[in-house]
Amino acid sequence: MEQVTNALTTALAAVFLSAMIIEVRRRQKQLQELYNVLDEQDRLIVMELDRMVELGEIKPYAD
């Protein structure tokens, strides 16, 4: 009986943890869409453009 209880507890904990992860990702995506936050790929592109401006390879659109 103790093994069944442990297995049930573990399964419920896994389900709860999975639900929490899904909810956090859903809220994160919702906030990114709401505030138009840059994701990792966009951030890398912006960093590269900033570097190119500093080196004088390109000029900024607006100063």
C-alpha atoms as a PDB file:
ATOM      1  CA  MET A   1       0.000   0.000   0.000  1.00  0.00           C
ATOM      2  CA  GLU A   2       2.889   2.348   0.764  1.00  0.00           C
ATOM      3  CA  GLN A   3       4.327   1.873  -2.746  1.00  0.00           C
ATOM      4  CA  VAL A   4       0.971   2.773  -4.282  1.00  0.00           C
ATOM      5  CA  THR A   5       0.791   5.909  -2.151  1.00  0.00           C
ATOM      6  CA  ASN A   6       4.340   6.897  -3.129  1.00  0.00           C
ATOM      7  CA  ALA A   7       3.630   6.267  -6.805  1.00  0.00           C
ATOM      8  CA  LEU A   8       0.405   8.272  -6.643  1.00  0.00           C
ATOM      9  CA  THR A   9       2.131  11.134  -4.836  1.00  0.00           C
ATOM     10  CA  THR A  10       4.939  11.167  -7.396  1.00  0.00           C
ATOM     11  CA  ALA A  11       2.484  11.113 -10.304  1.00  0.00           C
ATOM     12  CA  LEU A  12       0.421  13.950  -8.844  1.00  0.00           C
ATOM     13  CA  ALA A  13       3.558  15.986  -8.168  1.00  0.00           C
ATOM     14  CA  ALA A  14       4.671  15.476 -11.778  1.00  0.00           C
ATOM     15  CA  VAL A  15       1.269  16.564 -13.089  1.00  0.00           C
ATOM     16  CA  PHE A  16       1.270  19.618 -10.820  1.00  0.00           C
ATOM     17  CA  LEU A  17       4.808  20.577 -11.857  1.00  0.00           C
ATOM     18  CA  SER A  18       3.951  20.161 -15.542  1.00  0.00           C
ATOM     19  CA  ALA A  19       0.849  22.328 -15.141  1.00  0.00           C
ATOM     20  CA  MET A  20       2.900  25.029 -13.419  1.00  0.00           C
ATOM     21  CA  ILE A  21       5.521  25.020 -16.186  1.00  0.00           C
ATOM     22  CA  ILE A  22       2.830  25.291 -18.855  1.00  0.00           C
ATOM     23  CA  GLU A  23       1.174  28.183 -16.994  1.00  0.00           C
ATOM     24  CA  VAL A  24       4.462  30.066 -16.568  1.00  0.00           C
ATOM     25  CA  ARG A  25       5.261  29.698 -20.277  1.00  0.00           C
ATOM     26  CA  ARG A  26       1.739  30.802 -21.220  1.00  0.00           C
ATOM     27  CA  ARG A  27       1.989  33.915 -19.052  1.00  0.00           C
ATOM     28  CA  GLN A  28       5.499  34.662 -20.328  1.00  0.00           C
ATOM     29  CA  LYS A  29       4.295  34.487 -23.928  1.00  0.00           C
ATOM     30  CA  GLN A  30       1.288  36.651 -23.094  1.00  0.00           C
ATOM     31  CA  LEU A  31       3.525  39.301 -21.501  1.00  0.00           C
ATOM     32  CA  GLN A  32       5.950  39.223 -24.436  1.00  0.00           C
ATOM     33  CA  GLU A  33       3.078  39.816 -26.846  1.00  0.00           C
ATOM     34  CA  LEU A  34       1.572  42.527 -24.634  1.00  0.00           C
ATOM     35  CA  TYR A  35       4.781  44.474 -24.120  1.00  0.00           C
ATOM     36  CA  ASN A  36       6.520  43.416 -27.355  1.00  0.00           C
ATOM     37  CA  VAL A  37       9.570  42.177 -25.451  1.00  0.00           C
ATOM     38  CA  LEU A  38      12.510  41.022 -27.521  1.00  0.00           C
ATOM     39  CA  ASP A  39      13.232  37.319 -27.493  1.00  0.00           C
ATOM     40  CA  GLU A  40      16.762  35.912 -27.533  1.00  0.00           C
ATOM     41  CA  GLN A  41      17.111  35.916 -31.339  1.00  0.00           C
ATOM     42  CA  ASP A  42      15.886  39.518 -31.619  1.00  0.00           C
ATOM     43  CA  ARG A  43      18.234  40.561 -28.826  1.00  0.00           C
ATOM     44  CA  LEU A  44      21.211  39.098 -30.706  1.00  0.00           C
ATOM     45  CA  ILE A  45      20.232  40.949 -33.879  1.00  0.00           C
ATOM     46  CA  VAL A  46      19.949  44.244 -31.981  1.00  0.00           C
ATOM     47  CA  MET A  47      23.344  43.683 -30.343  1.00  0.00           C
ATOM     48  CA  GLU A  48      24.912  43.036 -33.753  1.00  0.00           C
ATOM     49  CA  LEU A  49      23.311  46.168 -35.220  1.00  0.00           C
ATOM     50  CA  ASP A  50      24.560  48.235 -32.260  1.00  0.00           C
ATOM     51  CA  ARG A  51      28.060  46.854 -32.822  1.00  0.00           C
ATOM     52  CA  MET A  52      27.885  47.775 -36.514  1.00  0.00           C
ATOM     53  CA  VAL A  53      26.824  51.329 -35.606  1.00  0.00           C
ATOM     54  CA  GLU A  54      29.718  51.661 -33.151  1.00  0.00           C
ATOM     55  CA  LEU A  55      32.172  50.501 -35.826  1.00  0.00           C
ATOM     56  CA  GLY A  56      30.689  52.967 -38.320  1.00  0.00           C
ATOM     57  CA  GLU A  57      29.616  50.232 -40.730  1.00  0.00           C
ATOM     58  CA  ILE A  58      26.068  51.560 -40.690  1.00  0.00           C
ATOM     59  CA  LYS A  59      24.411  54.763 -39.512  1.00  0.00           C
ATOM     60  CA  PRO A  60      21.547  54.750 -37.014  1.00  0.00           C
ATOM     61  CA  TYR A  61      18.114  55.491 -38.440  1.00  0.00           C
ATOM     62  CA  ALA A  62      17.506  58.196 -35.836  1.00  0.00           C
ATOM     63  CA  ASP A  63      19.895  59.851 -33.417  1.00  0.00           C
END
